[in-house]
């Protein structure tokens, strides 16, 4: 096992990793920007080091500074969490080259699956069900038009290096294609430094289903159930649940089998998530693979009893998976609400000081957060401030528990998405599990704020 782990992140995920380190008896080092001097993750860690100003490019994404911090504090491993450098193949490669273990997949895994167009090509060669679309990168509007004509409109243009909904454009008609293609490429270049895009068929009422996998250094790979992430706004997830109300045991086994095959095709190591679209006819298609721990990992932990962050650390330390596929059982139902420091009507960021925070509690309630009364929410970082997670024996119990927990939760001083979450959990269609990725569009049309 490692002696000391540097946590190359901030906020709730940094707190989550530090807690895992404490349970494993591993010392932790928090790095932080100047505006995070008094952050919770800094105070929780065994050691801490400032790595730069508020601008994340000069601190949390500053590879030389992070590696220097690891050297100064004699860390033998780095956990990147999610975001920032978590899916940066160069960072993982540099860690590997200097003998500091990157707690995550190999740099080759990240490079292969991080390029969405190349990942599609690979999955097609493996014979796995892939969304109809281009086999790889689309280089011109002429090529884009040919692909779109072949698979039929509507289509979606996606950044090959994309994530978080950036570099994506839905095209309903041929006359929209040229502008959408150019806009997607420009946004991709600005967001990721890479203008490459590809095209997929756009389904109007799909569900977004993702399968958690774990793979040890010896190549043994298991699936750890699926999550339904269909409640999203502008491709940003808002509510997740596990298991999906649309997936039965047979489909769960099939999704798990395909996810494991996809991971094994690239000799994947550590934790990862294989993402699918599920259409109205219960056909599913590979979309992409996220080569990191997901924001929504707690709901999988709640229903399986598997601590995914501790498993990440154990795998990186060379330990074999303690779980076999037949050991993985789904017990109960779990849901997560992402509480963001945002105006709930416009989804615009709302930084500021939290004048009062009260976390809900009671049976089956978990809150993953780094905020507290008096905490300052900076404007430079992601707006996620807390994850409210519940577990029930049934979906109905989980729904009731989440409604109760949302009522108890108090965040004052800034605007948050709490009012929106409360409204969604009162919606009859949501309560009955009748939703798709377009749920929020219909919800806002039916219940304007």
Protein backbone atom coordinates (compact mmCIF):
# COMPACT_ATOMS: atom_id res chain seq x y z
CA UNK A 1 0.00 0.00 0.00
CA UNK A 2 1.07 3.59 -0.61
CA UNK A 3 2.59 5.63 2.20
CA UNK A 4 1.34 9.04 1.08
CA UNK A 5 -1.11 10.19 -1.60
CA UNK A 6 -1.31 13.67 -3.08
CA UNK A 7 -4.91 14.69 -3.84
CA UNK A 8 -4.77 16.76 -7.02
CA UNK A 9 -8.23 18.27 -6.70
CA UNK A 10 -10.52 20.36 -4.51
CA UNK A 11 -14.06 20.43 -3.16
CA UNK A 12 -16.15 17.42 -2.29
CA UNK A 13 -14.14 14.91 -4.33
CA UNK A 14 -10.91 15.92 -2.53
CA UNK A 15 -12.69 15.41 0.80
CA UNK A 16 -13.98 12.03 -0.43
CA UNK A 17 -10.48 10.86 -1.39
CA UNK A 18 -8.95 12.04 1.90
CA UNK A 19 -11.57 10.08 3.83
CA UNK A 20 -10.69 6.94 1.85
CA UNK A 21 -6.99 7.49 2.59
CA UNK A 22 -7.70 7.78 6.32
CA UNK A 23 -9.62 4.49 6.33
CA UNK A 24 -6.76 2.78 4.50
CA UNK A 25 -4.15 4.20 6.88
CA UNK A 26 -2.51 6.26 4.13
CA UNK A 27 -1.32 9.83 4.75
CA UNK A 28 -2.79 12.48 2.45
CA UNK A 29 -1.48 15.74 1.02
CA UNK A 30 -3.91 18.43 -0.13
CA UNK A 31 -2.84 20.91 -2.77
CA UNK A 32 -4.77 24.13 -3.08
CA UNK A 33 -4.97 27.49 -4.79
CA UNK A 34 -4.67 30.78 -2.93
CA UNK A 35 -8.46 31.19 -2.65
CA UNK A 36 -8.76 27.70 -1.13
CA UNK A 37 -6.33 28.36 1.75
CA UNK A 38 -9.01 27.61 4.35
CA UNK A 39 -10.97 25.00 2.39
CA UNK A 40 -12.24 21.89 4.15
CA UNK A 41 -10.06 19.49 2.16
CA UNK A 42 -6.99 21.51 3.19
CA UNK A 43 -7.87 21.26 6.87
CA UNK A 44 -8.71 17.54 6.65
CA UNK A 45 -5.47 16.41 4.98
CA UNK A 46 -2.36 15.42 6.92
CA UNK A 47 -0.32 17.96 4.96
CA UNK A 48 -1.13 20.75 2.53
CA UNK A 49 0.69 22.92 0.02
CA UNK A 50 -0.35 25.98 -2.00
CA UNK A 51 0.32 25.46 -5.71
CA UNK A 52 -0.74 28.77 -7.24
CA UNK A 53 -3.38 31.48 -7.67
CA UNK A 54 -7.11 31.00 -8.18
CA UNK A 55 -6.90 30.51 -11.94
CA UNK A 56 -7.04 26.68 -12.32
CA UNK A 57 -4.57 26.76 -15.21
CA UNK A 58 -2.03 28.17 -12.74
CA UNK A 59 -2.93 25.82 -9.87
CA UNK A 60 -5.13 22.73 -10.16
CA UNK A 61 -4.17 22.19 -13.82
CA UNK A 62 -0.54 23.24 -13.33
CA UNK A 63 1.31 19.96 -13.87
CA UNK A 64 4.82 21.18 -12.89
CA UNK A 65 3.52 22.66 -9.64
CA UNK A 66 1.56 19.54 -8.72
CA UNK A 67 4.51 17.26 -9.43
CA UNK A 68 6.79 19.55 -7.44
CA UNK A 69 4.35 19.33 -4.54
CA UNK A 70 4.41 15.55 -4.77
CA UNK A 71 8.22 15.57 -4.71
CA UNK A 72 8.49 18.03 -1.81
CA UNK A 73 6.06 16.01 0.31
CA UNK A 74 7.49 12.62 -0.74
CA UNK A 75 4.22 11.28 -2.13
CA UNK A 76 4.34 7.95 -3.93
CA UNK A 77 0.94 8.35 -5.63
CA UNK A 78 -1.44 11.02 -6.96
CA UNK A 79 -5.22 10.78 -7.08
CA UNK A 80 -6.70 13.23 -9.62
CA UNK A 81 -10.40 12.82 -8.68
CA UNK A 82 -12.60 14.03 -11.56
CA UNK A 83 -12.22 17.13 -13.70
CA UNK A 84 -9.00 19.16 -13.88
CA UNK A 85 -6.26 16.61 -14.78
CA UNK A 86 -8.21 13.40 -14.25
CA UNK A 87 -8.44 12.60 -17.97
CA UNK A 88 -5.19 14.22 -19.05
CA UNK A 89 -3.11 11.49 -20.70
CA UNK A 90 0.03 13.64 -20.62
CA UNK A 91 -0.25 14.11 -16.86
CA UNK A 92 -0.70 10.38 -16.32
CA UNK A 93 2.28 9.68 -18.60
CA UNK A 94 4.53 12.13 -16.72
CA UNK A 95 3.53 10.55 -13.40
CA UNK A 96 4.42 7.14 -14.81
CA UNK A 97 7.78 8.40 -16.10
CA UNK A 98 8.92 9.78 -12.73
CA UNK A 99 7.75 6.82 -10.68
CA UNK A 100 4.72 8.43 -9.01
CA UNK A 101 1.69 6.18 -9.32
CA UNK A 102 -1.28 7.79 -11.07
CA UNK A 103 -4.40 6.44 -9.34
CA UNK A 104 -6.48 5.79 -12.40
CA UNK A 105 -6.08 4.14 -15.78
CA UNK A 106 -2.88 4.15 -17.81
CA UNK A 107 -1.98 7.10 -19.98
CA UNK A 108 -2.61 4.85 -22.99
CA UNK A 109 -6.11 4.03 -21.73
CA UNK A 110 -6.89 7.74 -21.28
CA UNK A 111 -5.52 8.68 -24.71
CA UNK A 112 -7.40 5.89 -26.47
CA UNK A 113 -10.79 6.32 -24.82
CA UNK A 114 -10.48 10.09 -24.37
CA UNK A 115 -10.63 10.56 -28.13
CA UNK A 116 -14.33 9.81 -28.62
CA UNK A 117 -14.02 9.35 -32.38
CA UNK A 118 -11.17 6.85 -32.04
CA UNK A 119 -13.03 5.06 -29.25
CA UNK A 120 -15.99 4.65 -31.62
CA UNK A 121 -13.71 3.18 -34.27
CA UNK A 122 -12.27 0.71 -31.78
CA UNK A 123 -15.68 -0.41 -30.52
CA UNK A 124 -16.91 -0.86 -34.10
CA UNK A 125 -13.90 -3.12 -34.79
CA UNK A 126 -14.76 -5.09 -31.66
CA UNK A 127 -18.26 -5.67 -32.99
CA UNK A 128 -19.93 -3.86 -30.08
CA UNK A 129 -23.22 -1.95 -30.55
CA UNK A 130 -22.26 1.63 -31.38
CA UNK A 131 -24.47 4.63 -32.14
CA UNK A 132 -24.97 4.97 -35.92
CA UNK A 133 -22.66 7.68 -37.19
CA UNK A 134 -19.22 8.43 -38.57
CA UNK A 135 -16.50 5.86 -38.05
CA UNK A 136 -14.08 8.53 -36.92
CA UNK A 137 -13.34 12.23 -37.16
CA UNK A 138 -15.26 14.36 -39.69
CA UNK A 139 -12.95 16.79 -41.46
CA UNK A 140 -15.32 18.82 -43.67
CA UNK A 141 -18.92 19.94 -44.06
CA UNK A 142 -19.12 17.85 -47.25
CA UNK A 143 -18.17 14.73 -45.31
CA UNK A 144 -20.56 15.69 -42.51
CA UNK A 145 -23.42 16.07 -44.99
CA UNK A 146 -22.72 12.65 -46.49
CA UNK A 147 -22.77 10.94 -43.09
CA UNK A 148 -25.91 12.79 -42.00
CA UNK A 149 -27.71 11.85 -45.23
CA UNK A 150 -26.77 8.20 -44.70
CA UNK A 151 -27.93 7.86 -41.09
CA UNK A 152 -30.80 10.35 -41.33
CA UNK A 153 -31.65 13.50 -39.40
CA UNK A 154 -31.62 14.53 -36.61
CA UNK A 155 -27.91 14.07 -35.91
CA UNK A 156 -25.58 15.35 -33.21
CA UNK A 157 -22.08 16.72 -33.80
CA UNK A 158 -19.70 16.00 -30.92
CA UNK A 159 -16.18 17.05 -30.01
CA UNK A 160 -13.78 14.10 -30.16
CA UNK A 161 -12.00 15.35 -27.04
CA UNK A 162 -15.24 16.54 -25.50
CA UNK A 163 -17.10 16.33 -22.25
CA UNK A 164 -19.59 18.29 -20.19
CA UNK A 165 -21.75 19.14 -23.20
CA UNK A 166 -19.20 21.41 -24.86
CA UNK A 167 -18.52 21.12 -28.57
CA UNK A 168 -21.93 19.53 -29.18
CA UNK A 169 -24.65 20.62 -31.62
CA UNK A 170 -27.94 18.95 -32.57
CA UNK A 171 -28.82 19.29 -36.25
CA UNK A 172 -32.44 18.70 -37.31
CA UNK A 173 -32.21 19.66 -40.98
CA UNK A 174 -29.59 19.78 -43.71
CA UNK A 175 -29.66 23.58 -43.90
CA UNK A 176 -28.52 23.78 -40.27
CA UNK A 177 -25.51 21.52 -40.78
CA UNK A 178 -22.81 23.94 -41.98
CA UNK A 179 -23.32 26.45 -39.17
CA UNK A 180 -23.58 23.72 -36.51
CA UNK A 181 -20.46 21.96 -37.80
CA UNK A 182 -18.40 25.15 -37.70
CA UNK A 183 -19.76 26.16 -34.29
CA UNK A 184 -19.03 22.74 -32.77
CA UNK A 185 -15.47 22.78 -34.09
CA UNK A 186 -14.85 26.30 -32.82
CA UNK A 187 -16.23 25.47 -29.37
CA UNK A 188 -14.23 22.24 -29.24
CA UNK A 189 -11.03 24.08 -30.11
CA UNK A 190 -11.67 26.71 -27.44
CA UNK A 191 -12.64 24.21 -24.73
CA UNK A 192 -10.20 21.36 -25.41
CA UNK A 193 -7.54 22.71 -27.75
CA UNK A 194 -8.72 20.23 -30.39
CA UNK A 195 -11.29 21.03 -33.08
CA UNK A 196 -11.89 17.40 -34.12
CA UNK A 197 -15.56 16.36 -34.21
CA UNK A 198 -17.59 13.31 -35.19
CA UNK A 199 -21.28 12.68 -35.92
CA UNK A 200 -23.85 10.35 -34.39
CA UNK A 201 -27.55 9.69 -34.91
CA UNK A 202 -29.58 11.77 -32.46
CA UNK A 203 -32.38 9.89 -30.72
CA UNK A 204 -35.24 12.05 -29.48
CA UNK A 205 -36.30 10.19 -26.31
CA UNK A 206 -33.37 8.08 -25.12
CA UNK A 207 -32.17 7.28 -21.65
CA UNK A 208 -28.56 7.89 -20.63
CA UNK A 209 -27.34 4.71 -18.95
CA UNK A 210 -23.80 4.21 -17.69
CA UNK A 211 -22.12 1.08 -16.36
CA UNK A 212 -19.47 1.23 -13.65
CA UNK A 213 -16.50 -1.09 -14.16
CA UNK A 214 -13.46 -2.00 -12.09
CA UNK A 215 -10.34 -3.65 -13.50
CA UNK A 216 -7.23 -4.64 -11.58
CA UNK A 217 -3.62 -4.52 -12.77
CA UNK A 218 -3.85 -8.18 -13.80
CA UNK A 219 -6.72 -7.50 -16.15
CA UNK A 220 -9.56 -8.99 -14.15
CA UNK A 221 -12.58 -6.83 -14.93
CA UNK A 222 -16.07 -6.66 -13.42
CA UNK A 223 -19.16 -4.52 -13.93
CA UNK A 224 -20.67 -2.92 -10.84
CA UNK A 225 -24.21 -2.15 -11.97
CA UNK A 226 -25.69 0.66 -14.00
CA UNK A 227 -26.77 4.23 -13.26
CA UNK A 228 -29.54 6.19 -14.95
CA UNK A 229 -28.30 9.71 -15.68
CA UNK A 230 -31.14 10.87 -17.94
CA UNK A 231 -32.17 13.92 -15.89
CA UNK A 232 -29.79 16.48 -17.35
CA UNK A 233 -29.74 20.06 -18.54
CA UNK A 234 -27.58 21.01 -21.53
CA UNK A 235 -25.85 17.62 -21.22
CA UNK A 236 -25.03 18.34 -17.57
CA UNK A 237 -26.37 15.69 -15.20
CA UNK A 238 -28.64 16.89 -12.41
CA UNK A 239 -30.13 13.73 -10.86
CA UNK A 240 -28.88 10.13 -11.05
CA UNK A 241 -30.25 6.86 -9.74
CA UNK A 242 -29.15 3.27 -9.35
CA UNK A 243 -30.48 0.93 -10.58
CA UNK A 244 -32.25 2.39 -13.60
CA UNK A 245 -36.05 1.96 -13.56
CA UNK A 246 -35.79 1.06 -17.27
CA UNK A 247 -33.29 -1.80 -16.85
CA UNK A 248 -34.27 -5.32 -15.81
CA UNK A 249 -31.95 -8.12 -14.71
CA UNK A 250 -31.49 -9.51 -18.23
CA UNK A 251 -30.62 -6.12 -19.73
CA UNK A 252 -28.37 -5.36 -16.74
CA UNK A 253 -26.34 -8.49 -17.39
CA UNK A 254 -26.07 -7.66 -21.11
CA UNK A 255 -25.00 -4.07 -20.47
CA UNK A 256 -22.44 -5.30 -17.94
CA UNK A 257 -21.07 -7.86 -20.39
CA UNK A 258 -20.65 -5.26 -23.15
CA UNK A 259 -19.06 -2.77 -20.75
CA UNK A 260 -16.52 -5.37 -19.62
CA UNK A 261 -15.75 -6.27 -23.25
CA UNK A 262 -15.21 -2.59 -24.07
CA UNK A 263 -12.80 -2.19 -21.13
CA UNK A 264 -10.91 -5.37 -21.94
CA UNK A 265 -10.55 -4.32 -25.57
CA UNK A 266 -8.17 -1.56 -24.43
CA UNK A 267 -6.69 -3.50 -21.49
CA UNK A 268 -8.28 -0.99 -19.17
CA UNK A 269 -7.13 -0.67 -15.56
CA UNK A 270 -8.74 0.88 -12.46
CA UNK A 271 -12.23 2.44 -12.30
CA UNK A 272 -14.08 3.62 -15.38
CA UNK A 273 -17.57 4.13 -16.75
CA UNK A 274 -18.95 2.92 -20.06
CA UNK A 275 -21.81 5.10 -21.26
CA UNK A 276 -24.76 3.99 -23.39
CA UNK A 277 -27.92 5.41 -24.91
CA UNK A 278 -31.02 3.24 -24.45
CA UNK A 279 -33.80 3.88 -26.97
CA UNK A 280 -37.55 3.35 -26.67
CA UNK A 281 -37.22 -0.16 -28.08
CA UNK A 282 -34.69 -1.05 -25.36
CA UNK A 283 -31.83 -1.15 -27.85
CA UNK A 284 -28.60 0.20 -26.41
CA UNK A 285 -25.58 1.78 -28.07
CA UNK A 286 -22.07 2.57 -26.85
CA UNK A 287 -21.43 6.31 -26.62
CA UNK A 288 -18.11 6.76 -24.83
CA UNK A 289 -16.01 5.77 -21.85
CA UNK A 290 -15.09 8.04 -18.97
CA UNK A 291 -11.63 7.17 -17.70
CA UNK A 292 -12.04 8.40 -14.11
CA UNK A 293 -14.21 8.20 -11.04
CA UNK A 294 -17.61 9.74 -11.78
CA UNK A 295 -19.32 12.47 -9.80
CA UNK A 296 -22.26 10.11 -9.27
CA UNK A 297 -20.24 7.14 -7.96
CA UNK A 298 -21.84 7.26 -4.46
CA UNK A 299 -25.17 5.79 -5.61
CA UNK A 300 -23.35 2.69 -6.85
CA UNK A 301 -21.56 2.43 -3.52
CA UNK A 302 -24.85 2.69 -1.65
CA UNK A 303 -26.51 -0.27 -3.39
CA UNK A 304 -23.48 -2.54 -3.79
CA UNK A 305 -21.49 -1.87 -0.62
CA UNK A 306 -18.33 -1.41 -2.72
CA UNK A 307 -16.22 1.64 -1.83
CA UNK A 308 -15.13 2.66 -5.32
CA UNK A 309 -12.51 5.20 -4.23
CA UNK A 310 -10.83 2.75 -1.89
CA UNK A 311 -10.92 0.16 -4.67
CA UNK A 312 -9.21 2.66 -6.97
CA UNK A 313 -6.40 3.09 -4.47
CA UNK A 314 -6.05 -0.64 -3.79
CA UNK A 315 -5.93 -1.45 -7.52
CA UNK A 316 -3.29 1.23 -8.15
CA UNK A 317 -1.26 -0.25 -5.28
CA UNK A 318 -1.21 -3.58 -7.13
CA UNK A 319 -3.87 -5.42 -5.16
CA UNK A 320 -6.18 -7.86 -6.91
CA UNK A 321 -9.90 -7.19 -7.01
CA UNK A 322 -11.51 -8.56 -3.88
CA UNK A 323 -14.78 -8.92 -5.76
CA UNK A 324 -15.83 -11.47 -8.37
CA UNK A 325 -18.66 -10.76 -10.79
CA UNK A 326 -21.01 -13.10 -8.95
CA UNK A 327 -20.31 -11.20 -5.71
CA UNK A 328 -21.79 -7.96 -7.07
CA UNK A 329 -25.39 -7.61 -5.91
CA UNK A 330 -27.77 -4.66 -6.22
CA UNK A 331 -29.51 -4.15 -2.87
CA UNK A 332 -32.13 -1.44 -2.71
CA UNK A 333 -32.33 1.80 -4.66
CA UNK A 334 -30.21 4.95 -4.48
CA UNK A 335 -30.60 8.47 -5.85
CA UNK A 336 -28.34 11.51 -6.02
CA UNK A 337 -29.12 15.21 -6.44
CA UNK A 338 -26.28 17.47 -7.54
CA UNK A 339 -26.67 20.68 -5.57
CA UNK A 340 -25.08 23.48 -7.58
CA UNK A 341 -24.40 27.09 -6.68
CA UNK A 342 -26.55 28.29 -9.56
CA UNK A 343 -29.68 30.25 -10.29
CA UNK A 344 -32.17 27.36 -10.63
CA UNK A 345 -34.09 29.02 -13.47
CA UNK A 346 -31.18 29.99 -15.71
CA UNK A 347 -28.39 27.65 -14.51
CA UNK A 348 -26.03 30.59 -14.24
CA UNK A 349 -23.31 30.37 -11.55
CA UNK A 350 -23.97 32.04 -8.21
CA UNK A 351 -20.73 32.34 -6.22
CA UNK A 352 -20.60 34.00 -2.82
CA UNK A 353 -20.51 33.32 0.91
CA UNK A 354 -22.73 30.70 2.52
CA UNK A 355 -24.39 32.35 5.50
CA UNK A 356 -26.06 29.16 6.71
CA UNK A 357 -25.75 25.49 5.81
CA UNK A 358 -27.70 22.62 7.33
CA UNK A 359 -27.14 19.11 6.00
CA UNK A 360 -30.05 16.66 6.19
CA UNK A 361 -29.60 13.40 8.09
CA UNK A 362 -31.45 10.34 9.29
CA UNK A 363 -31.58 6.77 7.96
CA UNK A 364 -30.34 6.28 4.41
CA UNK A 365 -29.14 9.86 3.88
CA UNK A 366 -25.59 10.79 2.85
CA UNK A 367 -24.19 14.21 1.99
CA UNK A 368 -20.86 14.49 0.15
CA UNK A 369 -19.71 18.10 0.37
CA UNK A 370 -16.89 20.44 1.26
CA UNK A 371 -19.08 23.37 2.23
CA UNK A 372 -20.02 24.68 5.68
CA UNK A 373 -21.53 27.81 7.15
CA UNK A 374 -19.25 30.74 6.33
CA UNK A 375 -17.60 29.03 3.36
CA UNK A 376 -16.84 31.15 0.31
CA UNK A 377 -17.85 29.67 -3.08
CA UNK A 378 -15.29 30.96 -5.60
CA UNK A 379 -16.27 31.96 -9.11
CA UNK A 380 -13.29 30.23 -10.73
CA UNK A 381 -14.42 26.62 -10.31
CA UNK A 382 -17.26 24.22 -10.99
CA UNK A 383 -20.53 25.19 -9.31
CA UNK A 384 -21.14 21.79 -7.65
CA UNK A 385 -21.20 22.36 -3.88
CA UNK A 386 -22.83 19.19 -2.53
CA UNK A 387 -24.20 15.80 -3.49
CA UNK A 388 -27.30 14.68 -1.63
CA UNK A 389 -27.56 10.90 -1.74
CA UNK A 390 -30.28 8.65 -0.37
CA UNK A 391 -30.85 4.91 -0.27
CA UNK A 392 -34.10 3.00 0.23
CA UNK A 393 -35.17 -0.62 0.08
CA UNK A 394 -37.31 0.29 -2.95
CA UNK A 395 -37.44 3.16 -5.45
CA UNK A 396 -40.58 4.42 -3.74
CA UNK A 397 -38.80 4.59 -0.39
CA UNK A 398 -35.82 6.34 -1.98
CA UNK A 399 -38.16 8.92 -3.56
CA UNK A 400 -39.85 9.63 -0.23
CA UNK A 401 -36.51 9.82 1.55
CA UNK A 402 -35.10 12.26 -1.01
CA UNK A 403 -38.17 14.50 -0.76
CA UNK A 404 -37.73 14.58 3.02
CA UNK A 405 -33.97 15.23 2.75
CA UNK A 406 -34.49 18.04 0.24
CA UNK A 407 -36.92 19.69 2.64
CA UNK A 408 -34.35 19.49 5.46
CA UNK A 409 -31.42 20.78 3.41
CA UNK A 410 -30.69 24.48 3.93
CA UNK A 411 -28.19 26.59 1.97
CA UNK A 412 -28.48 30.35 2.50
CA UNK A 413 -26.46 33.28 1.19
CA UNK A 414 -26.33 32.06 -2.40
CA UNK A 415 -28.81 30.67 -4.91
CA UNK A 416 -28.77 26.90 -5.48
CA UNK A 417 -30.62 24.28 -7.50
CA UNK A 418 -32.41 22.98 -4.37
CA UNK A 419 -35.80 24.53 -5.36
CA UNK A 420 -35.60 22.84 -8.77
CA UNK A 421 -34.78 19.47 -7.23
CA UNK A 422 -37.78 19.76 -4.91
CA UNK A 423 -40.06 20.50 -7.86
CA UNK A 424 -38.76 17.59 -9.92
CA UNK A 425 -39.30 15.11 -7.09
CA UNK A 426 -42.97 16.15 -6.97
CA UNK A 427 -43.45 15.49 -10.70
CA UNK A 428 -45.74 12.48 -11.39
CA UNK A 429 -43.81 11.31 -14.46
CA UNK A 430 -40.51 11.41 -12.60
CA UNK A 431 -42.02 9.58 -9.65
CA UNK A 432 -43.21 6.81 -11.99
CA UNK A 433 -39.84 6.57 -13.75
CA UNK A 434 -41.24 7.86 -17.04
CA UNK A 435 -38.48 10.09 -18.33
CA UNK A 436 -35.71 10.48 -20.90
CA UNK A 437 -32.87 12.92 -21.56
CA UNK A 438 -35.47 15.45 -22.76
CA UNK A 439 -37.38 15.34 -19.47
CA UNK A 440 -36.28 18.77 -18.27
CA UNK A 441 -37.26 20.47 -21.52
CA UNK A 442 -40.83 19.21 -21.13
CA UNK A 443 -40.74 19.91 -17.38
CA UNK A 444 -39.82 23.57 -17.86
CA UNK A 445 -42.45 23.94 -20.59
CA UNK A 446 -45.15 22.46 -18.32
CA UNK A 447 -44.05 24.18 -15.12
CA UNK A 448 -42.46 27.52 -16.00
CA UNK A 449 -40.77 29.14 -13.01
